[in-house]
Amino acid sequence: MSFIAIIPARLASTRLPNKPLADLGGKPMVVRVAERAAESGASRIIVATDHEDIRAACVQHGVEVCMTRADHPSGTDRIAEVARTLNLAPDSVVVNLQGDEPLIDPALLAAAASRIGPDVPMSTCAHPLHDAADVFNPNVVKVVLDRLGRALYFSRAAIPWARDAFAASRSVLPSGYQPLRHIGLYAYRTDFLLAYPGLAVSPLEGIEALEQLRVLWHGYPIAVHVTDSAPAAGVDTPEDLERVRRHFG
């Protein structure tokens, strides 16, 4: 499966200012993410940004970059602009890799891309949860699948709800109960990616604050690749940044 990796990167961050340019072993974070993407087999890696400093850092390190508008409401809208600007083929596959994932498993990009087909315009990834605290944590997004491995629903709530078991205890997961945690990595067929910004925001998306629910609400399937273990965490806080810096020495 041939695919293009696009990395949306904004300089503004409330918790970690200038995050894409944070130094990781002598290179900016966004460059480290691009290097990680290059290990996935992607045919092309592009950083999508609205800031000149990020563009300059990418150019300095030989990473392709595309400037975008500054007013996009989401990373998906930003990469859609790139796909339109570059006139990508309608049946090409684009993987959306967040610019704060310098330790992402490159195999996940290829796995997500492989799930795209004529009847599946979008895909993502998930992994099993084994800790009850994660199941009930609203910051951990869960997903339930149908028999074809496509998403039925994403939620911040514990889904599926083990009615009888949870009535007795919520500290230990019942035998045979295997919830899945959503991994925020997406692949799209380009024709759908270009159509996405025109989809109306769904009520469920507003309630859960989960962008992918817009896709399901409008009737489009989302295929889900399930990996055995959790990928390395991204960078959201100063503590995360120090952890990743230790990795890069």
Protein backbone atom coordinates (compact mmCIF):
# COMPACT_ATOMS: atom_id res chain seq x y z
CA MET A 1 0.00 0.00 0.00
CA SER A 2 1.55 3.27 -1.15
CA PHE A 3 0.76 6.22 1.08
CA ILE A 4 1.80 9.77 1.91
CA ALA A 5 2.40 10.89 5.49
CA ILE A 6 1.36 14.45 6.31
CA ILE A 7 2.33 15.93 9.67
CA PRO A 8 0.24 18.91 10.84
CA ALA A 9 2.31 21.17 13.10
CA ARG A 10 1.19 24.36 14.83
CA LEU A 11 3.54 26.51 16.88
CA ALA A 12 0.84 27.63 19.32
CA SER A 13 0.40 25.37 22.37
CA THR A 14 -1.14 26.34 25.69
CA ARG A 15 0.68 23.73 27.76
CA LEU A 16 3.97 23.56 25.87
CA PRO A 17 4.85 26.69 23.84
CA ASN A 18 6.84 26.17 20.62
CA LYS A 19 6.43 22.40 20.97
CA PRO A 20 7.19 21.44 17.33
CA LEU A 21 10.56 23.18 17.60
CA ALA A 22 11.55 21.67 20.96
CA ASP A 23 15.08 20.27 20.75
CA LEU A 24 15.34 16.48 20.79
CA GLY A 25 18.96 15.40 20.59
CA GLY A 26 19.94 18.27 18.31
CA LYS A 27 16.91 18.31 16.03
CA PRO A 28 13.46 19.92 16.33
CA MET A 29 10.64 17.61 17.37
CA VAL A 30 8.80 18.01 14.07
CA VAL A 31 11.90 16.82 12.22
CA ARG A 32 12.18 13.79 14.52
CA VAL A 33 8.55 12.97 13.74
CA ALA A 34 9.29 13.21 10.00
CA GLU A 35 12.28 10.90 10.44
CA ARG A 36 10.04 8.40 12.23
CA ALA A 37 7.53 8.59 9.39
CA ALA A 38 10.31 7.88 6.90
CA GLU A 39 10.78 4.47 8.56
CA SER A 40 7.18 3.53 7.78
CA GLY A 41 7.63 3.09 4.05
CA ALA A 42 5.69 6.24 3.19
CA SER A 43 6.34 7.37 -0.36
CA ARG A 44 6.38 11.01 0.71
CA ILE A 45 6.51 12.90 4.01
CA ILE A 46 5.20 16.45 4.24
CA VAL A 47 4.93 18.81 7.20
CA ALA A 48 1.84 21.03 7.09
CA THR A 49 2.26 24.26 9.03
CA ASP A 50 1.10 27.86 9.29
CA HIS A 51 4.29 29.22 10.85
CA GLU A 52 7.46 30.40 9.14
CA ASP A 53 9.74 29.17 11.94
CA ILE A 54 8.53 25.59 11.46
CA ARG A 55 8.92 25.91 7.69
CA ALA A 56 12.49 27.14 8.14
CA ALA A 57 13.37 24.27 10.49
CA CYS A 58 12.03 21.72 8.02
CA VAL A 59 13.91 23.27 5.09
CA GLN A 60 17.13 23.28 7.14
CA HIS A 61 16.81 19.54 7.74
CA GLY A 62 15.65 18.58 4.27
CA VAL A 63 12.01 17.86 5.19
CA GLU A 64 9.32 18.76 2.66
CA VAL A 65 6.93 21.38 4.01
CA CYS A 66 3.69 22.96 2.82
CA MET A 67 2.39 26.25 4.23
CA THR A 68 -1.30 26.38 5.14
CA ARG A 69 -3.84 28.85 6.47
CA ALA A 70 -3.73 29.61 10.18
CA ASP A 71 -7.46 29.31 10.87
CA HIS A 72 -8.04 25.56 10.49
CA PRO A 73 -10.17 24.11 13.31
CA SER A 74 -8.37 20.75 13.23
CA GLY A 75 -5.34 18.93 11.90
CA THR A 76 -7.60 17.05 9.47
CA ASP A 77 -8.71 20.32 7.88
CA ARG A 78 -5.07 21.38 7.63
CA ILE A 79 -3.93 18.25 5.81
CA ALA A 80 -6.97 18.49 3.54
CA GLU A 81 -5.66 21.87 2.38
CA VAL A 82 -2.30 20.27 1.63
CA ALA A 83 -3.93 17.46 -0.37
CA ARG A 84 -5.84 20.04 -2.40
CA THR A 85 -2.79 22.27 -2.91
CA LEU A 86 -0.69 19.34 -4.13
CA ASN A 87 -3.55 18.01 -6.29
CA LEU A 88 -3.15 14.49 -4.89
CA ALA A 89 -4.92 11.70 -6.79
CA PRO A 90 -8.44 10.97 -5.46
CA ASP A 91 -7.58 7.33 -4.70
CA SER A 92 -4.24 8.08 -3.03
CA VAL A 93 -3.89 7.38 0.70
CA VAL A 94 -2.86 10.02 3.23
CA VAL A 95 -1.80 9.24 6.81
CA ASN A 96 -2.27 12.00 9.38
CA LEU A 97 0.61 11.79 11.87
CA GLN A 98 0.53 14.30 14.72
CA GLY A 99 3.59 16.50 15.05
CA ASP A 100 4.11 15.58 18.73
CA GLU A 101 4.65 11.83 18.18
CA PRO A 102 8.44 11.45 17.83
CA LEU A 103 8.36 7.89 19.21
CA ILE A 104 5.41 6.55 17.17
CA ASP A 105 5.79 2.99 15.89
CA PRO A 106 6.33 3.44 12.11
CA ALA A 107 4.53 0.14 11.47
CA LEU A 108 1.28 1.71 12.67
CA LEU A 109 1.31 4.16 9.75
CA ALA A 110 1.58 1.36 7.21
CA ALA A 111 -1.03 -0.71 9.07
CA ALA A 112 -3.56 2.14 9.05
CA ALA A 113 -2.91 2.84 5.37
CA SER A 114 -3.45 -0.83 4.49
CA ARG A 115 -7.03 -0.72 5.80
CA ILE A 116 -8.12 1.87 3.24
CA GLY A 117 -10.08 0.52 0.27
CA PRO A 118 -12.84 1.35 -2.22
CA ASP A 119 -15.51 1.02 0.49
CA VAL A 120 -13.41 2.23 3.44
CA PRO A 121 -12.37 5.89 3.17
CA MET A 122 -10.85 6.25 6.65
CA SER A 123 -8.98 4.14 9.18
CA THR A 124 -7.33 4.40 12.57
CA CYS A 125 -5.70 2.20 15.24
CA ALA A 126 -6.42 0.85 18.72
CA HIS A 127 -4.88 -1.39 21.38
CA PRO A 128 -6.28 -3.49 24.24
CA LEU A 129 -6.73 -1.95 27.69
CA HIS A 130 -5.84 -4.00 30.74
CA ASP A 131 -6.12 -1.44 33.56
CA ALA A 132 -9.54 -0.65 35.03
CA ALA A 133 -8.41 2.90 35.82
CA ASP A 134 -7.83 3.54 32.10
CA VAL A 135 -11.23 2.12 31.18
CA PHE A 136 -12.99 4.64 33.43
CA ASN A 137 -10.66 7.56 32.62
CA PRO A 138 -12.49 10.06 30.36
CA ASN A 139 -9.16 11.19 28.92
CA VAL A 140 -8.67 7.69 27.50
CA VAL A 141 -10.81 7.35 24.37
CA LYS A 142 -12.34 3.92 23.81
CA VAL A 143 -13.69 2.32 20.63
CA VAL A 144 -15.96 -0.68 19.97
CA LEU A 145 -15.83 -2.60 16.68
CA ASP A 146 -18.16 -4.63 14.49
CA ARG A 147 -17.35 -8.09 13.10
CA LEU A 148 -15.43 -6.53 10.18
CA GLY A 149 -13.14 -4.57 12.48
CA ARG A 150 -14.85 -1.26 11.79
CA ALA A 151 -15.72 1.30 14.43
CA LEU A 152 -19.23 1.22 15.86
CA TYR A 153 -18.60 4.09 18.28
CA PHE A 154 -15.87 6.07 20.03
CA SER A 155 -16.40 7.36 23.55
CA ARG A 156 -14.71 8.79 26.60
CA ALA A 157 -16.99 6.53 28.64
CA ALA A 158 -16.30 2.87 29.40
CA ILE A 159 -17.54 0.95 26.35
CA PRO A 160 -18.72 -1.70 26.08
CA TRP A 161 -20.40 -1.46 29.49
CA ALA A 162 -20.10 -4.73 31.42
CA ARG A 163 -23.45 -4.34 33.17
CA ASP A 164 -23.38 -7.14 35.74
CA ALA A 165 -19.63 -7.09 36.41
CA PHE A 166 -19.46 -3.32 36.88
CA ALA A 167 -22.45 -3.43 39.22
CA ALA A 168 -20.33 -5.59 41.52
CA SER A 169 -16.92 -3.91 41.05
CA ARG A 170 -15.16 -1.32 38.93
CA SER A 171 -11.67 -1.96 40.21
CA VAL A 172 -11.00 -5.21 38.35
CA LEU A 173 -11.90 -5.92 34.73
CA PRO A 174 -14.07 -9.04 34.33
CA SER A 175 -12.80 -12.16 32.60
CA GLY A 176 -13.34 -12.06 28.85
CA TYR A 177 -13.88 -8.30 28.80
CA GLN A 178 -11.45 -6.64 26.37
CA PRO A 179 -11.96 -2.92 25.83
CA LEU A 180 -9.92 -1.08 23.21
CA ARG A 181 -8.16 2.25 23.50
CA HIS A 182 -8.21 4.46 20.44
CA ILE A 183 -4.83 5.59 19.06
CA GLY A 184 -5.04 9.04 17.46
CA LEU A 185 -3.49 8.12 14.13
CA TYR A 186 -5.65 8.35 10.98
CA ALA A 187 -5.45 7.36 7.33
CA TYR A 188 -7.76 8.68 4.62
CA ARG A 189 -8.51 8.13 0.97
CA THR A 190 -7.83 11.53 -0.56
CA ASP A 191 -11.27 12.02 -2.10
CA PHE A 192 -12.82 11.58 1.35
CA LEU A 193 -10.20 13.79 3.00
CA LEU A 194 -11.13 16.60 0.61
CA ALA A 195 -14.83 16.10 1.38
CA TYR A 196 -14.34 16.03 5.15
CA PRO A 197 -14.17 19.82 5.78
CA GLY A 198 -17.60 20.15 4.19
CA LEU A 199 -19.26 17.68 6.58
CA ALA A 200 -21.45 19.35 9.19
CA VAL A 201 -20.32 19.01 12.80
CA SER A 202 -22.39 16.25 14.41
CA PRO A 203 -24.21 16.46 17.77
CA LEU A 204 -22.26 13.46 19.08
CA GLU A 205 -18.96 15.11 18.18
CA GLY A 206 -19.97 18.13 20.22
CA ILE A 207 -21.00 16.05 23.22
CA GLU A 208 -17.93 13.79 23.35
CA ALA A 209 -15.44 16.30 21.88
CA LEU A 210 -14.27 13.61 19.46
CA GLU A 211 -13.81 14.68 15.85
CA GLN A 212 -14.03 11.15 14.42
CA LEU A 213 -17.68 10.86 15.49
CA ARG A 214 -18.54 13.29 12.69
CA VAL A 215 -17.47 10.62 10.20
CA LEU A 216 -19.62 7.89 11.73
CA TRP A 217 -22.59 10.23 12.15
CA HIS A 218 -22.55 10.95 8.42
CA GLY A 219 -22.51 7.22 7.64
CA TYR A 220 -18.89 6.66 6.58
CA PRO A 221 -17.08 3.54 7.87
CA ILE A 222 -13.83 3.76 9.83
CA ALA A 223 -11.65 0.63 9.77
CA VAL A 224 -9.60 -0.02 12.91
CA HIS A 225 -6.24 -1.78 13.03
CA VAL A 226 -5.74 -3.39 16.45
CA THR A 227 -2.16 -3.65 17.67
CA ASP A 228 -1.14 -5.81 20.62
CA SER A 229 0.44 -3.12 22.77
CA ALA A 230 0.23 0.59 23.46
CA PRO A 231 2.51 2.83 21.41
CA ALA A 232 4.90 5.22 23.12
CA ALA A 233 3.09 8.29 24.43
CA GLY A 234 3.31 11.60 22.59
CA VAL A 235 4.42 14.95 23.99
CA ASP A 236 1.73 17.03 25.71
CA THR A 237 3.44 18.31 28.87
CA PRO A 238 6.89 19.44 30.03
CA GLU A 239 7.23 16.05 31.77
CA ASP A 240 6.55 14.28 28.47
CA LEU A 241 9.18 16.42 26.78
CA GLU A 242 11.83 15.49 29.35
CA ARG A 243 10.96 11.79 28.95
CA VAL A 244 11.39 11.96 25.18
CA ARG A 245 14.58 13.99 25.48
CA ARG A 246 16.10 11.20 27.56
CA HIS A 247 15.27 8.79 24.75
CA PHE A 248 17.22 10.91 22.24
CA GLY A 249 20.09 11.39 24.66
